[in-house]
Amino acid sequence: MDNEKELQELKERLAKVEDQLQQKSKSSSVSRFVVSFIIAFVVFLVVGVVVQFMNPY
């Protein structure tokens, strides 16, 4: 009986850990998207400034 109880506790712990890992992967993908968006925005700004600098009109 003790073995079954321990096994059930381990299953519950494993489920909690899996849930935490899934939450971390979701938040990391969102943060990765935000960082990529900011980098792309900065690159477009730099390209725009360079194009305007090269074109004197």
C-alpha atoms as a PDB file:
ATOM      1  CA  MET A   1       0.000   0.000   0.000  1.00  0.00           C
ATOM      2  CA  ASP A   2       2.866   2.365   0.808  1.00  0.00           C
ATOM      3  CA  ASN A   3       4.393   1.697  -2.598  1.00  0.00           C
ATOM      4  CA  GLU A   4       1.189   2.705  -4.354  1.00  0.00           C
ATOM      5  CA  LYS A   5       0.994   5.889  -2.303  1.00  0.00           C
ATOM      6  CA  GLU A   6       4.605   6.775  -3.105  1.00  0.00           C
ATOM      7  CA  LEU A   7       4.020   6.024  -6.767  1.00  0.00           C
ATOM      8  CA  GLN A   8       0.968   8.309  -6.801  1.00  0.00           C
ATOM      9  CA  GLU A   9       2.969  11.098  -5.119  1.00  0.00           C
ATOM     10  CA  LEU A  10       5.743  10.735  -7.687  1.00  0.00           C
ATOM     11  CA  LYS A  11       3.225  10.932 -10.522  1.00  0.00           C
ATOM     12  CA  GLU A  12       1.757  14.110  -9.049  1.00  0.00           C
ATOM     13  CA  ARG A  13       5.201  15.636  -8.643  1.00  0.00           C
ATOM     14  CA  LEU A  14       6.091  14.741 -12.208  1.00  0.00           C
ATOM     15  CA  ALA A  15       2.887  16.353 -13.475  1.00  0.00           C
ATOM     16  CA  LYS A  16       3.704  19.559 -11.553  1.00  0.00           C
ATOM     17  CA  VAL A  17       7.232  19.670 -12.962  1.00  0.00           C
ATOM     18  CA  GLU A  18       5.947  19.125 -16.503  1.00  0.00           C
ATOM     19  CA  ASP A  19       3.446  21.968 -16.065  1.00  0.00           C
ATOM     20  CA  GLN A  20       6.200  24.282 -14.843  1.00  0.00           C
ATOM     21  CA  LEU A  21       8.397  23.401 -17.809  1.00  0.00           C
ATOM     22  CA  GLN A  22       5.580  24.119 -20.248  1.00  0.00           C
ATOM     23  CA  GLN A  23       4.934  27.492 -18.623  1.00  0.00           C
ATOM     24  CA  LYS A  24       8.620  28.398 -18.847  1.00  0.00           C
ATOM     25  CA  SER A  25       8.796  27.445 -22.516  1.00  0.00           C
ATOM     26  CA  LYS A  26       5.763  29.612 -23.282  1.00  0.00           C
ATOM     27  CA  SER A  27       7.220  32.617 -21.502  1.00  0.00           C
ATOM     28  CA  SER A  28      10.616  32.129 -23.127  1.00  0.00           C
ATOM     29  CA  SER A  29       9.055  32.009 -26.589  1.00  0.00           C
ATOM     30  CA  VAL A  30       7.174  35.242 -25.901  1.00  0.00           C
ATOM     31  CA  SER A  31      10.301  36.968 -24.630  1.00  0.00           C
ATOM     32  CA  ARG A  32      12.251  35.682 -27.636  1.00  0.00           C
ATOM     33  CA  PHE A  33       9.602  37.169 -29.949  1.00  0.00           C
ATOM     34  CA  VAL A  34       9.735  40.535 -28.160  1.00  0.00           C
ATOM     35  CA  VAL A  35      13.530  40.682 -28.355  1.00  0.00           C
ATOM     36  CA  SER A  36      13.456  39.737 -32.054  1.00  0.00           C
ATOM     37  CA  PHE A  37      10.856  42.418 -32.750  1.00  0.00           C
ATOM     38  CA  ILE A  38      12.931  45.100 -30.998  1.00  0.00           C
ATOM     39  CA  ILE A  39      16.089  44.070 -32.876  1.00  0.00           C
ATOM     40  CA  ALA A  40      14.250  44.159 -36.220  1.00  0.00           C
ATOM     41  CA  PHE A  41      12.810  47.603 -35.390  1.00  0.00           C
ATOM     42  CA  VAL A  42      16.264  48.984 -34.553  1.00  0.00           C
ATOM     43  CA  VAL A  43      17.737  47.502 -37.742  1.00  0.00           C
ATOM     44  CA  PHE A  44      14.997  49.141 -39.841  1.00  0.00           C
ATOM     45  CA  LEU A  45      15.659  52.485 -38.138  1.00  0.00           C
ATOM     46  CA  VAL A  46      19.396  52.238 -38.822  1.00  0.00           C
ATOM     47  CA  VAL A  47      18.792  51.294 -42.466  1.00  0.00           C
ATOM     48  CA  GLY A  48      16.398  54.229 -42.862  1.00  0.00           C
ATOM     49  CA  VAL A  49      18.940  56.666 -41.430  1.00  0.00           C
ATOM     50  CA  VAL A  50      21.693  55.296 -43.658  1.00  0.00           C
ATOM     51  CA  VAL A  51      19.476  55.556 -46.764  1.00  0.00           C
ATOM     52  CA  GLN A  52      18.552  59.150 -45.943  1.00  0.00           C
ATOM     53  CA  PHE A  53      22.177  60.015 -45.271  1.00  0.00           C
ATOM     54  CA  MET A  54      23.252  58.561 -48.640  1.00  0.00           C
ATOM     55  CA  ASN A  55      20.472  60.400 -50.471  1.00  0.00           C
ATOM     56  CA  PRO A  56      21.072  64.158 -50.064  1.00  0.00           C
ATOM     57  CA  TYR A  57      17.714  65.194 -51.563  1.00  0.00           C
END
